[in-house]
C-alpha cells in the first residue's frame, strides 16, 4: 500500500472515517529528520497491509497542525477508528515504529 497525502480537505475522509489503524506523519519538506523517516514510513506501508499510512505537510495544512497541537516535526499520530491512540515526536527507527503500531493494533 502506498502512503496517502492528506490535506485539510481530505483528512476527515482519509483518516478520521477510516475503520482501522492509521499512522499519520506530520512533516515538512525542509525538515531533516522528516527526510530520514520518510523511507521508513514507505517501507512500513508496503509490509504492514493492515495499517493505513498518511502524510500531512504542515506548511500546506496549518489548520490540521494546529488542531492536533503539532509543535515539532516530525510528529506521528496513530489513530484507531478515528480516535487518537498515540502521539510521538522525532525520528525513529523501523523497529520503534513497529512497536508503537503493535500497541494499537493488538489492543
PDB file of N, CA and C in Angstrom:
ATOM      1  N   UNK A   1       0.852  -1.181   0.000  1.00  0.00           N
ATOM      2  CA  UNK A   1       0.000   0.000   0.000  1.00  0.00           C
ATOM      3  C   UNK A   1       0.898   1.244   0.000  1.00  0.00           C
ATOM      4  N   UNK A   2       0.456   2.257  -0.664  1.00  0.00           N
ATOM      5  CA  UNK A   2       1.238   3.485  -0.701  1.00  0.00           C
ATOM      6  C   UNK A   2       0.806   4.422   0.428  1.00  0.00           C
ATOM      7  N   UNK A   3       1.655   5.375   0.702  1.00  0.00           N
ATOM      8  CA  UNK A   3       1.357   6.397   1.699  1.00  0.00           C
ATOM      9  C   UNK A   3       0.478   7.452   1.038  1.00  0.00           C
ATOM     10  N   UNK A   4      -0.620   7.808   1.705  1.00  0.00           N
ATOM     11  CA  UNK A   4      -1.589   8.756   1.160  1.00  0.00           C
ATOM     12  C   UNK A   4      -1.242  10.172   1.614  1.00  0.00           C
ATOM     13  N   UNK A   5      -1.168  11.105   0.675  1.00  0.00           N
ATOM     14  CA  UNK A   5      -1.003  12.519   1.026  1.00  0.00           C
ATOM     15  C   UNK A   5      -2.362  13.057   1.445  1.00  0.00           C
ATOM     16  N   UNK A   6      -2.412  13.627   2.640  1.00  0.00           N
ATOM     17  CA  UNK A   6      -3.677  14.097   3.202  1.00  0.00           C
ATOM     18  C   UNK A   6      -3.602  15.603   3.405  1.00  0.00           C
ATOM     19  N   UNK A   7      -4.741  16.277   3.174  1.00  0.00           N
ATOM     20  CA  UNK A   7      -4.827  17.730   3.326  1.00  0.00           C
ATOM     21  C   UNK A   7      -5.942  18.069   4.313  1.00  0.00           C
ATOM     22  N   UNK A   8      -6.082  19.361   4.573  1.00  0.00           N
ATOM     23  CA  UNK A   8      -7.197  19.823   5.404  1.00  0.00           C
ATOM     24  C   UNK A   8      -8.526  19.292   4.867  1.00  0.00           C
ATOM     25  N   UNK A   9      -8.644  19.259   3.540  1.00  0.00           N
ATOM     26  CA  UNK A   9      -9.898  18.861   2.896  1.00  0.00           C
ATOM     27  C   UNK A   9     -10.154  17.358   2.911  1.00  0.00           C
ATOM     28  N   UNK A  10      -9.103  16.542   2.965  1.00  0.00           N
ATOM     29  CA  UNK A  10      -9.281  15.089   2.872  1.00  0.00           C
ATOM     30  C   UNK A  10      -9.043  14.347   4.182  1.00  0.00           C
ATOM     31  N   UNK A  11      -8.630  15.041   5.231  1.00  0.00           N
ATOM     32  CA  UNK A  11      -8.289  14.384   6.498  1.00  0.00           C
ATOM     33  C   UNK A  11      -9.477  13.617   7.083  1.00  0.00           C
ATOM     34  N   UNK A  12     -10.639  14.214   7.066  1.00  0.00           N
ATOM     35  CA  UNK A  12     -11.828  13.553   7.623  1.00  0.00           C
ATOM     36  C   UNK A  12     -12.066  12.215   6.914  1.00  0.00           C
ATOM     37  N   UNK A  13     -12.098  12.256   5.607  1.00  0.00           N
ATOM     38  CA  UNK A  13     -12.401  11.058   4.819  1.00  0.00           C
ATOM     39  C   UNK A  13     -11.292  10.011   4.908  1.00  0.00           C
ATOM     40  N   UNK A  14     -10.041  10.453   4.755  1.00  0.00           N
ATOM     41  CA  UNK A  14      -8.917   9.524   4.674  1.00  0.00           C
ATOM     42  C   UNK A  14      -8.460   8.979   6.030  1.00  0.00           C
ATOM     43  N   UNK A  15      -8.625   9.780   7.089  1.00  0.00           N
ATOM     44  CA  UNK A  15      -8.093   9.386   8.390  1.00  0.00           C
ATOM     45  C   UNK A  15      -9.199   9.136   9.413  1.00  0.00           C
ATOM     46  N   UNK A  16     -10.000  10.141   9.680  1.00  0.00           N
ATOM     47  CA  UNK A  16     -10.983  10.025  10.758  1.00  0.00           C
ATOM     48  C   UNK A  16     -12.091   9.032  10.451  1.00  0.00           C
ATOM     49  N   UNK A  17     -12.494   8.921   9.200  1.00  0.00           N
ATOM     50  CA  UNK A  17     -13.566   7.998   8.825  1.00  0.00           C
ATOM     51  C   UNK A  17     -13.063   6.585   8.547  1.00  0.00           C
ATOM     52  N   UNK A  18     -11.754   6.390   8.535  1.00  0.00           N
ATOM     53  CA  UNK A  18     -11.180   5.073   8.236  1.00  0.00           C
ATOM     54  C   UNK A  18     -11.422   4.106   9.394  1.00  0.00           C
ATOM     55  N   UNK A  19     -11.924   2.936   9.063  1.00  0.00           N
ATOM     56  CA  UNK A  19     -12.113   1.890  10.075  1.00  0.00           C
ATOM     57  C   UNK A  19     -10.821   1.089  10.155  1.00  0.00           C
ATOM     58  N   UNK A  20     -10.156   1.186  11.284  1.00  0.00           N
ATOM     59  CA  UNK A  20      -8.880   0.509  11.465  1.00  0.00           C
ATOM     60  C   UNK A  20      -7.829   1.483  11.941  1.00  0.00           C
ATOM     61  N   UNK A  21      -6.580   1.084  11.789  1.00  0.00           N
ATOM     62  CA  UNK A  21      -5.442   1.850  12.304  1.00  0.00           C
ATOM     63  C   UNK A  21      -4.834   2.693  11.190  1.00  0.00           C
ATOM     64  N   UNK A  22      -4.539   3.953  11.530  1.00  0.00           N
ATOM     65  CA  UNK A  22      -3.880   4.877  10.603  1.00  0.00           C
ATOM     66  C   UNK A  22      -2.707   5.526  11.324  1.00  0.00           C
ATOM     67  N   UNK A  23      -1.536   5.520  10.699  1.00  0.00           N
ATOM     68  CA  UNK A  23      -0.400   6.291  11.191  1.00  0.00           C
ATOM     69  C   UNK A  23      -0.302   7.533  10.322  1.00  0.00           C
ATOM     70  N   UNK A  24      -0.329   8.702  10.957  1.00  0.00           N
ATOM     71  CA  UNK A  24      -0.239   9.978  10.236  1.00  0.00           C
ATOM     72  C   UNK A  24       1.108  10.617  10.554  1.00  0.00           C
ATOM     73  N   UNK A  25       1.844  10.947   9.514  1.00  0.00           N
ATOM     74  CA  UNK A  25       3.153  11.590   9.602  1.00  0.00           C
ATOM     75  C   UNK A  25       2.971  13.071   9.286  1.00  0.00           C
ATOM     76  N   UNK A  26       3.112  13.921  10.310  1.00  0.00           N
ATOM     77  CA  UNK A  26       3.095  15.367  10.116  1.00  0.00           C
ATOM     78  C   UNK A  26       4.537  15.783   9.832  1.00  0.00           C
ATOM     79  N   UNK A  27       4.787  16.336   8.644  1.00  0.00           N
ATOM     80  CA  UNK A  27       6.152  16.610   8.190  1.00  0.00           C
ATOM     81  C   UNK A  27       6.220  17.942   7.447  1.00  0.00           C
ATOM     82  N   UNK A  28       7.442  18.318   7.084  1.00  0.00           N
ATOM     83  CA  UNK A  28       7.671  19.460   6.192  1.00  0.00           C
ATOM     84  C   UNK A  28       8.793  19.083   5.230  1.00  0.00           C
ATOM     85  N   UNK A  29       8.751  19.647   4.031  1.00  0.00           N
ATOM     86  CA  UNK A  29       9.751  19.328   3.003  1.00  0.00           C
ATOM     87  C   UNK A  29      11.171  19.692   3.441  1.00  0.00           C
ATOM     88  N   UNK A  30      11.314  20.738   4.238  1.00  0.00           N
ATOM     89  CA  UNK A  30      12.626  21.244   4.632  1.00  0.00           C
ATOM     90  C   UNK A  30      13.189  20.547   5.879  1.00  0.00           C
ATOM     91  N   UNK A  31      12.440  19.655   6.472  1.00  0.00           N
ATOM     92  CA  UNK A  31      12.784  19.035   7.759  1.00  0.00           C
ATOM     93  C   UNK A  31      13.737  17.853   7.575  1.00  0.00           C
ATOM     94  N   UNK A  32      14.933  17.946   8.135  1.00  0.00           N
ATOM     95  CA  UNK A  32      15.928  16.874   8.030  1.00  0.00           C
ATOM     96  C   UNK A  32      15.466  15.549   8.619  1.00  0.00           C
ATOM     97  N   UNK A  33      15.010  15.527   9.890  1.00  0.00           N
ATOM     98  CA  UNK A  33      14.530  14.263  10.461  1.00  0.00           C
ATOM     99  C   UNK A  33      13.338  13.676   9.699  1.00  0.00           C
ATOM    100  N   UNK A  34      12.525  14.539   9.084  1.00  0.00           N
ATOM    101  CA  UNK A  34      11.398  14.051   8.276  1.00  0.00           C
ATOM    102  C   UNK A  34      11.911  13.276   7.068  1.00  0.00           C
ATOM    103  N   UNK A  35      12.991  13.761   6.479  1.00  0.00           N
ATOM    104  CA  UNK A  35      13.570  13.094   5.312  1.00  0.00           C
ATOM    105  C   UNK A  35      14.159  11.741   5.699  1.00  0.00           C
ATOM    106  N   UNK A  36      14.627  11.625   6.938  1.00  0.00           N
ATOM    107  CA  UNK A  36      15.181  10.354   7.415  1.00  0.00           C
ATOM    108  C   UNK A  36      14.066   9.329   7.613  1.00  0.00           C
ATOM    109  N   UNK A  37      12.933   9.763   8.156  1.00  0.00           N
ATOM    110  CA  UNK A  37      11.857   8.815   8.465  1.00  0.00           C
ATOM    111  C   UNK A  37      10.983   8.482   7.260  1.00  0.00           C
ATOM    112  N   UNK A  38      10.962   9.324   6.254  1.00  0.00           N
ATOM    113  CA  UNK A  38      10.086   9.100   5.104  1.00  0.00           C
ATOM    114  C   UNK A  38      10.284   7.729   4.445  1.00  0.00           C
ATOM    115  N   UNK A  39      11.534   7.289   4.163  1.00  0.00           N
ATOM    116  CA  UNK A  39      11.697   5.966   3.556  1.00  0.00           C
ATOM    117  C   UNK A  39      11.256   4.830   4.490  1.00  0.00           C
ATOM    118  N   UNK A  40      11.369   5.034   5.790  1.00  0.00           N
ATOM    119  CA  UNK A  40      10.926   4.026   6.759  1.00  0.00           C
ATOM    120  C   UNK A  40       9.409   3.888   6.692  1.00  0.00           C
ATOM    121  N   UNK A  41       8.714   5.020   6.636  1.00  0.00           N
ATOM    122  CA  UNK A  41       7.250   5.003   6.535  1.00  0.00           C
ATOM    123  C   UNK A  41       6.835   4.316   5.234  1.00  0.00           C
ATOM    124  N   UNK A  42       7.517   4.608   4.137  1.00  0.00           N
ATOM    125  CA  UNK A  42       7.211   3.969   2.855  1.00  0.00           C
ATOM    126  C   UNK A  42       7.392   2.455   2.949  1.00  0.00           C
ATOM    127  N   UNK A  43       8.462   2.025   3.594  1.00  0.00           N
ATOM    128  CA  UNK A  43       8.730   0.591   3.752  1.00  0.00           C
ATOM    129  C   UNK A  43       7.661  -0.077   4.610  1.00  0.00           C
ATOM    130  N   UNK A  44       7.276   0.577   5.700  1.00  0.00           N
ATOM    131  CA  UNK A  44       6.226   0.019   6.561  1.00  0.00           C
ATOM    132  C   UNK A  44       4.890  -0.067   5.824  1.00  0.00           C
ATOM    133  N   UNK A  45       4.612   0.924   4.990  1.00  0.00           N
ATOM    134  CA  UNK A  45       3.358   0.919   4.230  1.00  0.00           C
ATOM    135  C   UNK A  45       3.287  -0.289   3.300  1.00  0.00           C
ATOM    136  N   UNK A  46       4.423  -0.731   2.811  1.00  0.00           N
ATOM    137  CA  UNK A  46       4.462  -1.907   1.937  1.00  0.00           C
ATOM    138  C   UNK A  46       4.320  -3.207   2.724  1.00  0.00           C
ATOM    139  N   UNK A  47       4.867  -3.249   3.935  1.00  0.00           N
ATOM    140  CA  UNK A  47       4.882  -4.508   4.689  1.00  0.00           C
ATOM    141  C   UNK A  47       3.700  -4.677   5.650  1.00  0.00           C
ATOM    142  N   UNK A  48       3.129  -3.579   6.135  1.00  0.00           N
ATOM    143  CA  UNK A  48       2.036  -3.654   7.113  1.00  0.00           C
ATOM    144  C   UNK A  48       0.717  -3.326   6.417  1.00  0.00           C
ATOM    145  N   UNK A  49       0.130  -4.329   5.791  1.00  0.00           N
ATOM    146  CA  UNK A  49      -1.076  -4.122   4.986  1.00  0.00           C
ATOM    147  C   UNK A  49      -2.313  -3.807   5.819  1.00  0.00           C
ATOM    148  N   UNK A  50      -2.272  -4.107   7.130  1.00  0.00           N
ATOM    149  CA  UNK A  50      -3.433  -3.858   7.987  1.00  0.00           C
ATOM    150  C   UNK A  50      -3.443  -2.450   8.572  1.00  0.00           C
ATOM    151  N   UNK A  51      -2.441  -1.627   8.221  1.00  0.00           N
ATOM    152  CA  UNK A  51      -2.340  -0.254   8.707  1.00  0.00           C
ATOM    153  C   UNK A  51      -2.335   0.690   7.509  1.00  0.00           C
ATOM    154  N   UNK A  52      -3.086   1.772   7.624  1.00  0.00           N
ATOM    155  CA  UNK A  52      -3.073   2.817   6.595  1.00  0.00           C
ATOM    156  C   UNK A  52      -2.036   3.863   7.003  1.00  0.00           C
ATOM    157  N   UNK A  53      -1.271   4.354   6.043  1.00  0.00           N
ATOM    158  CA  UNK A  53      -0.245   5.361   6.307  1.00  0.00           C
ATOM    159  C   UNK A  53      -0.585   6.635   5.547  1.00  0.00           C
ATOM    160  N   UNK A  54      -0.499   7.763   6.246  1.00  0.00           N
ATOM    161  CA  UNK A  54      -0.839   9.051   5.648  1.00  0.00           C
ATOM    162  C   UNK A  54       0.206  10.087   6.037  1.00  0.00           C
ATOM    163  N   UNK A  55       0.371  11.092   5.163  1.00  0.00           N
ATOM    164  CA  UNK A  55       1.309  12.186   5.417  1.00  0.00           C
ATOM    165  C   UNK A  55       0.575  13.502   5.313  1.00  0.00           C
ATOM    166  N   UNK A  56       0.922  14.423   6.208  1.00  0.00           N
ATOM    167  CA  UNK A  56       0.357  15.773   6.189  1.00  0.00           C
ATOM    168  C   UNK A  56       1.517  16.770   6.172  1.00  0.00           C
ATOM    169  N   UNK A  57       1.603  17.558   5.123  1.00  0.00           N
ATOM    170  CA  UNK A  57       2.601  18.624   5.030  1.00  0.00           C
ATOM    171  C   UNK A  57       2.114  19.792   5.886  1.00  0.00           C
ATOM    172  N   UNK A  58       2.802  20.056   6.997  1.00  0.00           N
ATOM    173  CA  UNK A  58       2.332  21.075   7.942  1.00  0.00           C
ATOM    174  C   UNK A  58       2.377  22.485   7.355  1.00  0.00           C
ATOM    175  N   UNK A  59       3.269  22.731   6.424  1.00  0.00           N
ATOM    176  CA  UNK A  59       3.338  24.059   5.819  1.00  0.00           C
ATOM    177  C   UNK A  59       2.103  24.352   4.966  1.00  0.00           C
ATOM    178  N   UNK A  60       1.552  23.328   4.344  1.00  0.00           N
ATOM    179  CA  UNK A  60       0.388  23.498   3.479  1.00  0.00           C
ATOM    180  C   UNK A  60      -0.933  23.213   4.180  1.00  0.00           C
ATOM    181  N   UNK A  61      -0.872  22.694   5.402  1.00  0.00           N
ATOM    182  CA  UNK A  61      -2.076  22.299   6.136  1.00  0.00           C
ATOM    183  C   UNK A  61      -1.978  22.741   7.595  1.00  0.00           C
ATOM    184  N   UNK A  62      -1.823  24.035   7.778  1.00  0.00           N
ATOM    185  CA  UNK A  62      -1.598  24.579   9.117  1.00  0.00           C
ATOM    186  C   UNK A  62      -2.798  24.394  10.042  1.00  0.00           C
ATOM    187  N   UNK A  63      -3.999  24.345   9.488  1.00  0.00           N
ATOM    188  CA  UNK A  63      -5.184  24.118  10.324  1.00  0.00           C
ATOM    189  C   UNK A  63      -5.111  22.765  11.020  1.00  0.00           C
ATOM    190  N   UNK A  64      -4.712  21.744  10.277  1.00  0.00           N
ATOM    191  CA  UNK A  64      -4.584  20.407  10.871  1.00  0.00           C
ATOM    192  C   UNK A  64      -3.473  20.372  11.911  1.00  0.00           C
ATOM    193  N   UNK A  65      -2.355  20.994  11.604  1.00  0.00           N
ATOM    194  CA  UNK A  65      -1.242  21.035  12.552  1.00  0.00           C
ATOM    195  C   UNK A  65      -1.678  21.709  13.851  1.00  0.00           C
ATOM    196  N   UNK A  66      -2.434  22.775  13.737  1.00  0.00           N
ATOM    197  CA  UNK A  66      -2.928  23.467  14.925  1.00  0.00           C
ATOM    198  C   UNK A  66      -3.940  22.637  15.687  1.00  0.00           C
ATOM    199  N   UNK A  67      -4.843  21.994  14.982  1.00  0.00           N
ATOM    200  CA  UNK A  67      -5.883  21.180  15.622  1.00  0.00           C
ATOM    201  C   UNK A  67      -5.285  20.062  16.462  1.00  0.00           C
ATOM    202  N   UNK A  68      -4.188  19.478  15.990  1.00  0.00           N
ATOM    203  CA  UNK A  68      -3.566  18.366  16.703  1.00  0.00           C
ATOM    204  C   UNK A  68      -2.322  18.786  17.490  1.00  0.00           C
ATOM    205  N   UNK A  69      -2.174  20.096  17.703  1.00  0.00           N
ATOM    206  CA  UNK A  69      -1.080  20.652  18.523  1.00  0.00           C
ATOM    207  C   UNK A  69       0.286  20.140  18.080  1.00  0.00           C
ATOM    208  N   UNK A  70       0.539  20.242  16.785  1.00  0.00           N
ATOM    209  CA  UNK A  70       1.826  19.817  16.234  1.00  0.00           C
ATOM    210  C   UNK A  70       2.787  20.998  16.359  1.00  0.00           C
ATOM    211  N   UNK A  71       3.706  20.899  17.318  1.00  0.00           N
ATOM    212  CA  UNK A  71       4.666  21.976  17.563  1.00  0.00           C
ATOM    213  C   UNK A  71       6.064  21.621  17.080  1.00  0.00           C
ATOM    214  N   UNK A  72       6.335  20.335  16.922  1.00  0.00           N
ATOM    215  CA  UNK A  72       7.626  19.844  16.433  1.00  0.00           C
ATOM    216  C   UNK A  72       7.352  18.841  15.328  1.00  0.00           C
ATOM    217  N   UNK A  73       8.291  18.757  14.402  1.00  0.00           N
ATOM    218  CA  UNK A  73       8.138  17.768  13.346  1.00  0.00           C
ATOM    219  C   UNK A  73       9.430  16.971  13.211  1.00  0.00           C
ATOM    220  N   UNK A  74       9.337  15.745  12.801  1.00  0.00           N
ATOM    221  CA  UNK A  74       8.109  15.030  12.514  1.00  0.00           C
ATOM    222  C   UNK A  74       7.356  14.646  13.785  1.00  0.00           C
ATOM    223  N   UNK A  75       6.043  14.716  13.704  1.00  0.00           N
ATOM    224  CA  UNK A  75       5.163  14.198  14.752  1.00  0.00           C
ATOM    225  C   UNK A  75       4.290  13.132  14.108  1.00  0.00           C
ATOM    226  N   UNK A  76       4.091  12.055  14.844  1.00  0.00           N
ATOM    227  CA  UNK A  76       3.320  10.929  14.337  1.00  0.00           C
ATOM    228  C   UNK A  76       2.120  10.690  15.237  1.00  0.00           C
ATOM    229  N   UNK A  77       0.959  10.561  14.617  1.00  0.00           N
ATOM    230  CA  UNK A  77      -0.261  10.186  15.327  1.00  0.00           C
ATOM    231  C   UNK A  77      -0.645   8.789  14.880  1.00  0.00           C
ATOM    232  N   UNK A  78      -1.068   7.977  15.828  1.00  0.00           N
ATOM    233  CA  UNK A  78      -1.645   6.683  15.487  1.00  0.00           C
ATOM    234  C   UNK A  78      -3.095   6.733  15.938  1.00  0.00           C
ATOM    235  N   UNK A  79      -3.987   6.552  14.976  1.00  0.00           N
ATOM    236  CA  UNK A  79      -5.420   6.573  15.255  1.00  0.00           C
ATOM    237  C   UNK A  79      -6.005   5.200  14.992  1.00  0.00           C
ATOM    238  N   UNK A  80      -7.025   4.865  15.751  1.00  0.00           N
ATOM    239  CA  UNK A  80      -7.778   3.639  15.511  1.00  0.00           C
ATOM    240  C   UNK A  80      -9.248   4.016  15.477  1.00  0.00           C
ATOM    241  N   UNK A  81      -9.896   3.707  14.364  1.00  0.00           N
ATOM    242  CA  UNK A  81     -11.306   4.042  14.168  1.00  0.00           C
ATOM    243  C   UNK A  81     -11.585   5.515  14.446  1.00  0.00           C
ATOM    244  N   UNK A  82     -10.663   6.379  13.994  1.00  0.00           N
ATOM    245  CA  UNK A  82     -10.847   7.820  14.097  1.00  0.00           C
ATOM    246  C   UNK A  82     -10.444   8.451  15.415  1.00  0.00           C
ATOM    247  N   UNK A  83      -9.978   7.656  16.363  1.00  0.00           N
ATOM    248  CA  UNK A  83      -9.590   8.166  17.676  1.00  0.00           C
ATOM    249  C   UNK A  83      -8.072   8.107  17.838  1.00  0.00           C
ATOM    250  N   UNK A  84      -7.464   9.210  18.311  1.00  0.00           N
ATOM    251  CA  UNK A  84      -6.016   9.236  18.536  1.00  0.00           C
ATOM    252  C   UNK A  84      -5.693   8.309  19.703  1.00  0.00           C
ATOM    253  N   UNK A  85      -4.794   7.360  19.444  1.00  0.00           N
ATOM    254  CA  UNK A  85      -4.383   6.388  20.462  1.00  0.00           C
ATOM    255  C   UNK A  85      -2.958   6.625  20.938  1.00  0.00           C
ATOM    256  N   UNK A  86      -2.151   7.287  20.104  1.00  0.00           N
ATOM    257  CA  UNK A  86      -0.760   7.514  20.454  1.00  0.00           C
ATOM    258  C   UNK A  86      -0.233   8.689  19.645  1.00  0.00           C
ATOM    259  N   UNK A  87       0.723   9.399  20.226  1.00  0.00           N
ATOM    260  CA  UNK A  87       1.388  10.500  19.538  1.00  0.00           C
ATOM    261  C   UNK A  87       2.827  10.525  20.000  1.00  0.00           C
ATOM    262  N   UNK A  88       3.769  10.631  19.048  1.00  0.00           N
ATOM    263  CA  UNK A  88       5.173  10.727  19.411  1.00  0.00           C
ATOM    264  C   UNK A  88       5.890  11.605  18.396  1.00  0.00           C
ATOM    265  N   UNK A  89       7.037  12.122  18.814  1.00  0.00           N
ATOM    266  CA  UNK A  89       7.758  13.139  18.050  1.00  0.00           C
ATOM    267  C   UNK A  89       9.174  12.663  17.764  1.00  0.00           C
ATOM    268  N   UNK A  90       9.680  13.048  16.606  1.00  0.00           N
ATOM    269  CA  UNK A  90      11.082  12.828  16.278  1.00  0.00           C
ATOM    270  C   UNK A  90      11.319  11.629  15.392  1.00  0.00           C
ATOM    271  N   UNK A  91      12.555  11.567  14.890  1.00  0.00           N
ATOM    272  CA  UNK A  91      12.950  10.460  14.023  1.00  0.00           C
ATOM    273  C   UNK A  91      13.073   9.185  14.847  1.00  0.00           C
ATOM    274  N   UNK A  92      12.529   8.110  14.327  1.00  0.00           N
ATOM    275  CA  UNK A  92      12.582   6.801  14.980  1.00  0.00           C
ATOM    276  C   UNK A  92      13.021   5.770  13.949  1.00  0.00           C
ATOM    277  N   UNK A  93      13.539   4.646  14.448  1.00  0.00           N
ATOM    278  CA  UNK A  93      13.898   3.575  13.525  1.00  0.00           C
ATOM    279  C   UNK A  93      12.684   2.701  13.243  1.00  0.00           C
ATOM    280  N   UNK A  94      12.835   1.804  12.302  1.00  0.00           N
ATOM    281  CA  UNK A  94      11.724   0.963  11.866  1.00  0.00           C
ATOM    282  C   UNK A  94      11.143   0.151  13.025  1.00  0.00           C
ATOM    283  N   UNK A  95      11.995  -0.395  13.858  1.00  0.00           N
ATOM    284  CA  UNK A  95      11.546  -1.229  14.970  1.00  0.00           C
ATOM    285  C   UNK A  95      10.703  -0.431  15.956  1.00  0.00           C
ATOM    286  N   UNK A  96      11.073   0.813  16.184  1.00  0.00           N
ATOM    287  CA  UNK A  96      10.327   1.673  17.099  1.00  0.00           C
ATOM    288  C   UNK A  96       8.915   1.939  16.559  1.00  0.00           C
ATOM    289  N   UNK A  97       8.821   2.224  15.255  1.00  0.00           N
ATOM    290  CA  UNK A  97       7.502   2.413  14.638  1.00  0.00           C
ATOM    291  C   UNK A  97       6.664   1.149  14.766  1.00  0.00           C
ATOM    292  N   UNK A  98       7.282  -0.002  14.509  1.00  0.00           N
ATOM    293  CA  UNK A  98       6.558  -1.271  14.587  1.00  0.00           C
ATOM    294  C   UNK A  98       6.029  -1.515  16.008  1.00  0.00           C
ATOM    295  N   UNK A  99       6.866  -1.203  17.008  1.00  0.00           N
ATOM    296  CA  UNK A  99       6.440  -1.371  18.413  1.00  0.00           C
ATOM    297  C   UNK A  99       5.243  -0.474  18.742  1.00  0.00           C
ATOM    298  N   UNK A 100       5.316   0.783  18.324  1.00  0.00           N
ATOM    299  CA  UNK A 100       4.220   1.721  18.601  1.00  0.00           C
ATOM    300  C   UNK A 100       2.929   1.278  17.906  1.00  0.00           C
ATOM    301  N   UNK A 101       3.063   0.792  16.681  1.00  0.00           N
ATOM    302  CA  UNK A 101       1.878   0.339  15.952  1.00  0.00           C
ATOM    303  C   UNK A 101       1.288  -0.931  16.565  1.00  0.00           C
ATOM    304  N   UNK A 102       2.141  -1.817  17.043  1.00  0.00           N
ATOM    305  CA  UNK A 102       1.642  -3.061  17.664  1.00  0.00           C
ATOM    306  C   UNK A 102       0.837  -2.772  18.923  1.00  0.00           C
ATOM    307  N   UNK A 103       1.214  -1.726  19.649  1.00  0.00           N
ATOM    308  CA  UNK A 103       0.465  -1.356  20.861  1.00  0.00           C
ATOM    309  C   UNK A 103      -0.995  -1.062  20.522  1.00  0.00           C
ATOM    310  N   UNK A 104      -1.206  -0.476  19.353  1.00  0.00           N
ATOM    311  CA  UNK A 104      -2.572  -0.078  18.950  1.00  0.00           C
ATOM    312  C   UNK A 104      -3.264  -1.205  18.194  1.00  0.00           C
ATOM    313  N   UNK A 105      -2.550  -1.889  17.308  1.00  0.00           N
ATOM    314  CA  UNK A 105      -3.194  -2.933  16.503  1.00  0.00           C
ATOM    315  C   UNK A 105      -3.566  -4.143  17.356  1.00  0.00           C
ATOM    316  N   UNK A 106      -2.810  -4.402  18.423  1.00  0.00           N
ATOM    317  CA  UNK A 106      -3.081  -5.554  19.278  1.00  0.00           C
ATOM    318  C   UNK A 106      -3.995  -5.210  20.449  1.00  0.00           C
ATOM    319  N   UNK A 107      -4.362  -3.934  20.565  1.00  0.00           N
ATOM    320  CA  UNK A 107      -5.193  -3.507  21.708  1.00  0.00           C
ATOM    321  C   UNK A 107      -6.649  -3.856  21.489  1.00  0.00           C
TER     322      UNK A 107
END
